[in-house]
Amino acid sequence: MNATTLTSKGQVTVPKNVRDYLGIGPGSKVSFELTPKGDVLLRPAATGRAVRRSPFAKVRGSATVRMRTDEIMRLTRGD
């Protein structure tokens, strides 16, 4: 179980493994739901799109090297 400390402003840090699981990051909206049993659920706020992000989402489209595929393959293979 993850524990965190409430600040004087009522803020908490959501543990990284929970943020990753929920697919949330800086600027993400979240909602809190009280259950009849007295538990509190943290959920990503409905945005009309899929919540779970691919583990590759951070790096998708970030290549900046202007090389042909065969040149990259030669570099990675050490030819």
C-alpha atoms as a PDB file:
ATOM      1  CA  MET A   1       0.000   0.000   0.000  1.00  0.00           C
ATOM      2  CA  ASN A   2       1.229   3.493  -0.830  1.00  0.00           C
ATOM      3  CA  ALA A   3       1.130   6.187   1.851  1.00  0.00           C
ATOM      4  CA  THR A   4       1.577   9.900   1.262  1.00  0.00           C
ATOM      5  CA  THR A   5       1.363  13.066   3.366  1.00  0.00           C
ATOM      6  CA  LEU A   6      -1.355  15.700   3.111  1.00  0.00           C
ATOM      7  CA  THR A   7       0.033  19.238   2.853  1.00  0.00           C
ATOM      8  CA  SER A   8      -1.405  22.245   4.668  1.00  0.00           C
ATOM      9  CA  LYS A   9      -3.105  23.164   1.374  1.00  0.00           C
ATOM     10  CA  GLY A  10      -4.843  19.772   1.183  1.00  0.00           C
ATOM     11  CA  GLN A  11      -2.578  18.447  -1.574  1.00  0.00           C
ATOM     12  CA  VAL A  12      -1.063  14.992  -1.917  1.00  0.00           C
ATOM     13  CA  THR A  13       1.398  13.435  -4.329  1.00  0.00           C
ATOM     14  CA  VAL A  14      -0.134  10.519  -6.191  1.00  0.00           C
ATOM     15  CA  PRO A  15       2.500   7.749  -6.243  1.00  0.00           C
ATOM     16  CA  LYS A  16       4.119   7.124  -9.640  1.00  0.00           C
ATOM     17  CA  ASN A  17       2.880   3.538  -9.933  1.00  0.00           C
ATOM     18  CA  VAL A  18      -0.704   4.782  -9.413  1.00  0.00           C
ATOM     19  CA  ARG A  19      -0.251   7.639 -11.943  1.00  0.00           C
ATOM     20  CA  ASP A  20       1.152   5.167 -14.461  1.00  0.00           C
ATOM     21  CA  TYR A  21      -1.694   2.713 -13.853  1.00  0.00           C
ATOM     22  CA  LEU A  22      -4.320   5.436 -14.301  1.00  0.00           C
ATOM     23  CA  GLY A  23      -2.514   6.988 -17.266  1.00  0.00           C
ATOM     24  CA  ILE A  24      -2.480  10.437 -15.682  1.00  0.00           C
ATOM     25  CA  GLY A  25       0.201  13.103 -15.581  1.00  0.00           C
ATOM     26  CA  PRO A  26       0.663  16.818 -14.972  1.00  0.00           C
ATOM     27  CA  GLY A  27      -2.534  18.693 -15.808  1.00  0.00           C
ATOM     28  CA  SER A  28      -4.702  15.568 -15.795  1.00  0.00           C
ATOM     29  CA  LYS A  29      -8.128  15.900 -14.257  1.00  0.00           C
ATOM     30  CA  VAL A  30      -9.139  13.356 -11.621  1.00  0.00           C
ATOM     31  CA  SER A  31     -12.344  12.720  -9.743  1.00  0.00           C
ATOM     32  CA  PHE A  32     -12.987  11.416  -6.233  1.00  0.00           C
ATOM     33  CA  GLU A  33     -15.916   9.158  -5.481  1.00  0.00           C
ATOM     34  CA  LEU A  34     -17.208   8.198  -2.041  1.00  0.00           C
ATOM     35  CA  THR A  35     -18.474   4.623  -1.844  1.00  0.00           C
ATOM     36  CA  PRO A  36     -21.290   3.441   0.439  1.00  0.00           C
ATOM     37  CA  LYS A  37     -18.664   1.553   2.481  1.00  0.00           C
ATOM     38  CA  GLY A  38     -16.787   4.800   3.180  1.00  0.00           C
ATOM     39  CA  ASP A  39     -13.925   4.224   0.741  1.00  0.00           C
ATOM     40  CA  VAL A  40     -12.709   6.964  -1.587  1.00  0.00           C
ATOM     41  CA  LEU A  41     -11.992   6.119  -5.227  1.00  0.00           C
ATOM     42  CA  LEU A  42      -9.570   8.161  -7.319  1.00  0.00           C
ATOM     43  CA  ARG A  43     -10.356   8.002 -11.029  1.00  0.00           C
ATOM     44  CA  PRO A  44      -9.258   9.870 -14.110  1.00  0.00           C
ATOM     45  CA  ALA A  45     -11.989  12.369 -15.001  1.00  0.00           C
ATOM     46  CA  ALA A  46     -13.985  11.423 -18.071  1.00  0.00           C
ATOM     47  CA  THR A  47     -12.492  13.200 -21.066  1.00  0.00           C
ATOM     48  CA  GLY A  48     -14.168  11.311 -23.878  1.00  0.00           C
ATOM     49  CA  ARG A  49     -10.992   9.421 -24.790  1.00  0.00           C
ATOM     50  CA  ALA A  50      -9.248   6.264 -23.675  1.00  0.00           C
ATOM     51  CA  VAL A  51      -7.653   6.603 -20.249  1.00  0.00           C
ATOM     52  CA  ARG A  52      -4.920   3.959 -20.413  1.00  0.00           C
ATOM     53  CA  ARG A  53      -1.801   5.167 -22.204  1.00  0.00           C
ATOM     54  CA  SER A  54       0.671   3.016 -23.998  1.00  0.00           C
ATOM     55  CA  PRO A  55       3.999   2.667 -22.162  1.00  0.00           C
ATOM     56  CA  PHE A  56       5.522   4.085 -25.353  1.00  0.00           C
ATOM     57  CA  ALA A  57       3.336   7.215 -25.366  1.00  0.00           C
ATOM     58  CA  LYS A  58       6.107   9.413 -23.922  1.00  0.00           C
ATOM     59  CA  VAL A  59       8.542   8.650 -26.715  1.00  0.00           C
ATOM     60  CA  ARG A  60       6.165   8.298 -29.634  1.00  0.00           C
ATOM     61  CA  GLY A  61       7.053  10.799 -32.353  1.00  0.00           C
ATOM     62  CA  SER A  62      10.138  12.112 -30.570  1.00  0.00           C
ATOM     63  CA  ALA A  63      12.812  10.989 -33.026  1.00  0.00           C
ATOM     64  CA  THR A  64      14.841  13.913 -34.303  1.00  0.00           C
ATOM     65  CA  VAL A  65      17.612  12.176 -36.242  1.00  0.00           C
ATOM     66  CA  ARG A  66      17.223  12.464 -39.980  1.00  0.00           C
ATOM     67  CA  MET A  67      18.714   9.134 -41.006  1.00  0.00           C
ATOM     68  CA  ARG A  68      17.510   6.399 -43.276  1.00  0.00           C
ATOM     69  CA  THR A  69      16.475   3.107 -41.705  1.00  0.00           C
ATOM     70  CA  ASP A  70      19.464   1.232 -43.144  1.00  0.00           C
ATOM     71  CA  GLU A  71      21.853   3.813 -41.624  1.00  0.00           C
ATOM     72  CA  ILE A  72      20.217   3.435 -38.200  1.00  0.00           C
ATOM     73  CA  MET A  73      20.366  -0.359 -38.464  1.00  0.00           C
ATOM     74  CA  ARG A  74      24.091  -0.215 -39.262  1.00  0.00           C
ATOM     75  CA  LEU A  75      24.707   1.995 -36.228  1.00  0.00           C
ATOM     76  CA  THR A  76      22.706  -0.204 -33.853  1.00  0.00           C
ATOM     77  CA  ARG A  77      24.343  -3.374 -35.127  1.00  0.00           C
ATOM     78  CA  GLY A  78      27.838  -1.939 -34.901  1.00  0.00           C
ATOM     79  CA  ASP A  79      28.629  -2.453 -38.611  1.00  0.00           C
END
